[in-house]
C-alpha atoms as a PDB file:
ATOM      1  CA  UNK A   1     -26.507-116.410 -30.083  1.00  0.00           C
ATOM      2  CA  UNK A   2     -29.894-116.064 -28.439  1.00  0.00           C
ATOM      3  CA  UNK A   3     -30.140-116.165 -24.695  1.00  0.00           C
ATOM      4  CA  UNK A   4     -32.810-118.666 -23.562  1.00  0.00           C
ATOM      5  CA  UNK A   5     -31.531-118.772 -19.985  1.00  0.00           C
ATOM      6  CA  UNK A   6     -29.216-115.880 -19.213  1.00  0.00           C
ATOM      7  CA  UNK A   7     -26.847-116.154 -16.292  1.00  0.00           C
ATOM      8  CA  UNK A   8     -28.088-114.077 -13.370  1.00  0.00           C
ATOM      9  CA  UNK A   9     -25.231-111.601 -13.745  1.00  0.00           C
ATOM     10  CA  UNK A  10     -26.138-110.489 -17.288  1.00  0.00           C
ATOM     11  CA  UNK A  11     -29.330-108.396 -16.765  1.00  0.00           C
ATOM     12  CA  UNK A  12     -27.816-106.217 -14.007  1.00  0.00           C
ATOM     13  CA  UNK A  13     -24.842-105.505 -16.267  1.00  0.00           C
ATOM     14  CA  UNK A  14     -27.230-104.398 -19.000  1.00  0.00           C
ATOM     15  CA  UNK A  15     -29.067-102.075 -16.619  1.00  0.00           C
ATOM     16  CA  UNK A  16     -25.879-100.483 -15.326  1.00  0.00           C
ATOM     17  CA  UNK A  17     -24.674 -99.979 -18.900  1.00  0.00           C
ATOM     18  CA  UNK A  18     -28.053 -98.530 -19.871  1.00  0.00           C
ATOM     19  CA  UNK A  19     -28.104 -96.225 -16.861  1.00  0.00           C
ATOM     20  CA  UNK A  20     -24.627 -94.858 -17.489  1.00  0.00           C
ATOM     21  CA  UNK A  21     -25.239 -94.414 -21.229  1.00  0.00           C
ATOM     22  CA  UNK A  22     -28.849 -93.209 -20.951  1.00  0.00           C
ATOM     23  CA  UNK A  23     -30.290 -96.205 -22.775  1.00  0.00           C
ATOM     24  CA  UNK A  24     -33.577 -96.918 -21.001  1.00  0.00           C
ATOM     25  CA  UNK A  25     -35.469 -98.935 -23.606  1.00  0.00           C
ATOM     26  CA  UNK A  26     -35.354-102.737 -23.519  1.00  0.00           C
ATOM     27  CA  UNK A  27     -35.700-102.778 -27.313  1.00  0.00           C
ATOM     28  CA  UNK A  28     -32.755-100.437 -27.727  1.00  0.00           C
ATOM     29  CA  UNK A  29     -30.616-102.520 -25.362  1.00  0.00           C
ATOM     30  CA  UNK A  30     -31.593-105.611 -27.363  1.00  0.00           C
ATOM     31  CA  UNK A  31     -30.557-103.867 -30.609  1.00  0.00           C
ATOM     32  CA  UNK A  32     -27.276-102.587 -29.178  1.00  0.00           C
ATOM     33  CA  UNK A  33     -26.134-105.842 -27.545  1.00  0.00           C
ATOM     34  CA  UNK A  34     -24.922-107.754 -30.637  1.00  0.00           C
ATOM     35  CA  UNK A  35     -23.186-104.763 -32.259  1.00  0.00           C
ATOM     36  CA  UNK A  36     -21.696-102.788 -29.367  1.00  0.00           C
ATOM     37  CA  UNK A  37     -18.268-104.057 -28.306  1.00  0.00           C
ATOM     38  CA  UNK A  38     -18.742-102.974 -24.686  1.00  0.00           C
ATOM     39  CA  UNK A  39     -22.039-104.869 -24.427  1.00  0.00           C
ATOM     40  CA  UNK A  40     -20.619-107.955 -26.156  1.00  0.00           C
ATOM     41  CA  UNK A  41     -17.886-107.994 -23.530  1.00  0.00           C
ATOM     42  CA  UNK A  42     -20.345-107.457 -20.663  1.00  0.00           C
ATOM     43  CA  UNK A  43     -22.869-110.064 -21.768  1.00  0.00           C
ATOM     44  CA  UNK A  44     -20.302-112.763 -22.569  1.00  0.00           C
ATOM     45  CA  UNK A  45     -21.484-112.950 -26.240  1.00  0.00           C
ATOM     46  CA  UNK A  46     -25.084-113.716 -25.251  1.00  0.00           C
ATOM     47  CA  UNK A  47     -27.903-111.646 -26.693  1.00  0.00           C
ATOM     48  CA  UNK A  48     -30.761-111.377 -24.218  1.00  0.00           C
ATOM     49  CA  UNK A  49     -34.063-110.475 -25.827  1.00  0.00           C
ATOM     50  CA  UNK A  50     -36.152-107.561 -24.606  1.00  0.00           C
ATOM     51  CA  UNK A  51     -38.602-109.728 -22.671  1.00  0.00           C
ATOM     52  CA  UNK A  52     -35.751-111.095 -20.567  1.00  0.00           C
ATOM     53  CA  UNK A  53     -34.524-107.610 -19.729  1.00  0.00           C
ATOM     54  CA  UNK A  54     -37.996-106.143 -19.167  1.00  0.00           C
ATOM     55  CA  UNK A  55     -39.140-109.055 -16.979  1.00  0.00           C
ATOM     56  CA  UNK A  56     -35.991-108.826 -14.899  1.00  0.00           C
ATOM     57  CA  UNK A  57     -36.416-105.067 -14.566  1.00  0.00           C
ATOM     58  CA  UNK A  58     -39.959-105.544 -13.252  1.00  0.00           C
ATOM     59  CA  UNK A  59     -38.972-108.299 -10.836  1.00  0.00           C
ATOM     60  CA  UNK A  60     -36.033-106.366  -9.348  1.00  0.00           C
ATOM     61  CA  UNK A  61     -37.193-102.761  -9.577  1.00  0.00           C
ATOM     62  CA  UNK A  62     -36.211-101.695  -6.038  1.00  0.00           C
ATOM     63  CA  UNK A  63     -32.733-103.261  -6.163  1.00  0.00           C
ATOM     64  CA  UNK A  64     -32.042-101.704  -9.566  1.00  0.00           C
ATOM     65  CA  UNK A  65     -33.092 -98.251  -8.356  1.00  0.00           C
ATOM     66  CA  UNK A  66     -30.837 -98.538  -5.304  1.00  0.00           C
ATOM     67  CA  UNK A  67     -27.884 -99.619  -7.441  1.00  0.00           C
ATOM     68  CA  UNK A  68     -28.438 -96.860 -10.013  1.00  0.00           C
ATOM     69  CA  UNK A  69     -28.660 -94.204  -7.288  1.00  0.00           C
ATOM     70  CA  UNK A  70     -25.188 -95.143  -6.136  1.00  0.00           C
ATOM     71  CA  UNK A  71     -23.688 -94.832  -9.639  1.00  0.00           C
ATOM     72  CA  UNK A  72     -22.424 -91.542 -11.010  1.00  0.00           C
ATOM     73  CA  UNK A  73     -24.526 -90.100 -13.823  1.00  0.00           C
ATOM     74  CA  UNK A  74     -23.124 -89.724 -17.319  1.00  0.00           C
ATOM     75  CA  UNK A  75     -22.422 -86.087 -18.100  1.00  0.00           C
END
């Protein structure tokens, strides 16, 4: 299912997942979303495209950096 208008909670979940699992690319997150069980659960079976994730990343850069600083890094 494509994601024309994602709920506001979905992109931050993707970024936290990407940060903890060292997935930085919007294209890679887009590829992983429909086949990774953890991401399917997080995104409530929606599949945001890369432009949605990249646009949201650009619009909320400072808030994302603050949130990622507070998370533990994957070892």
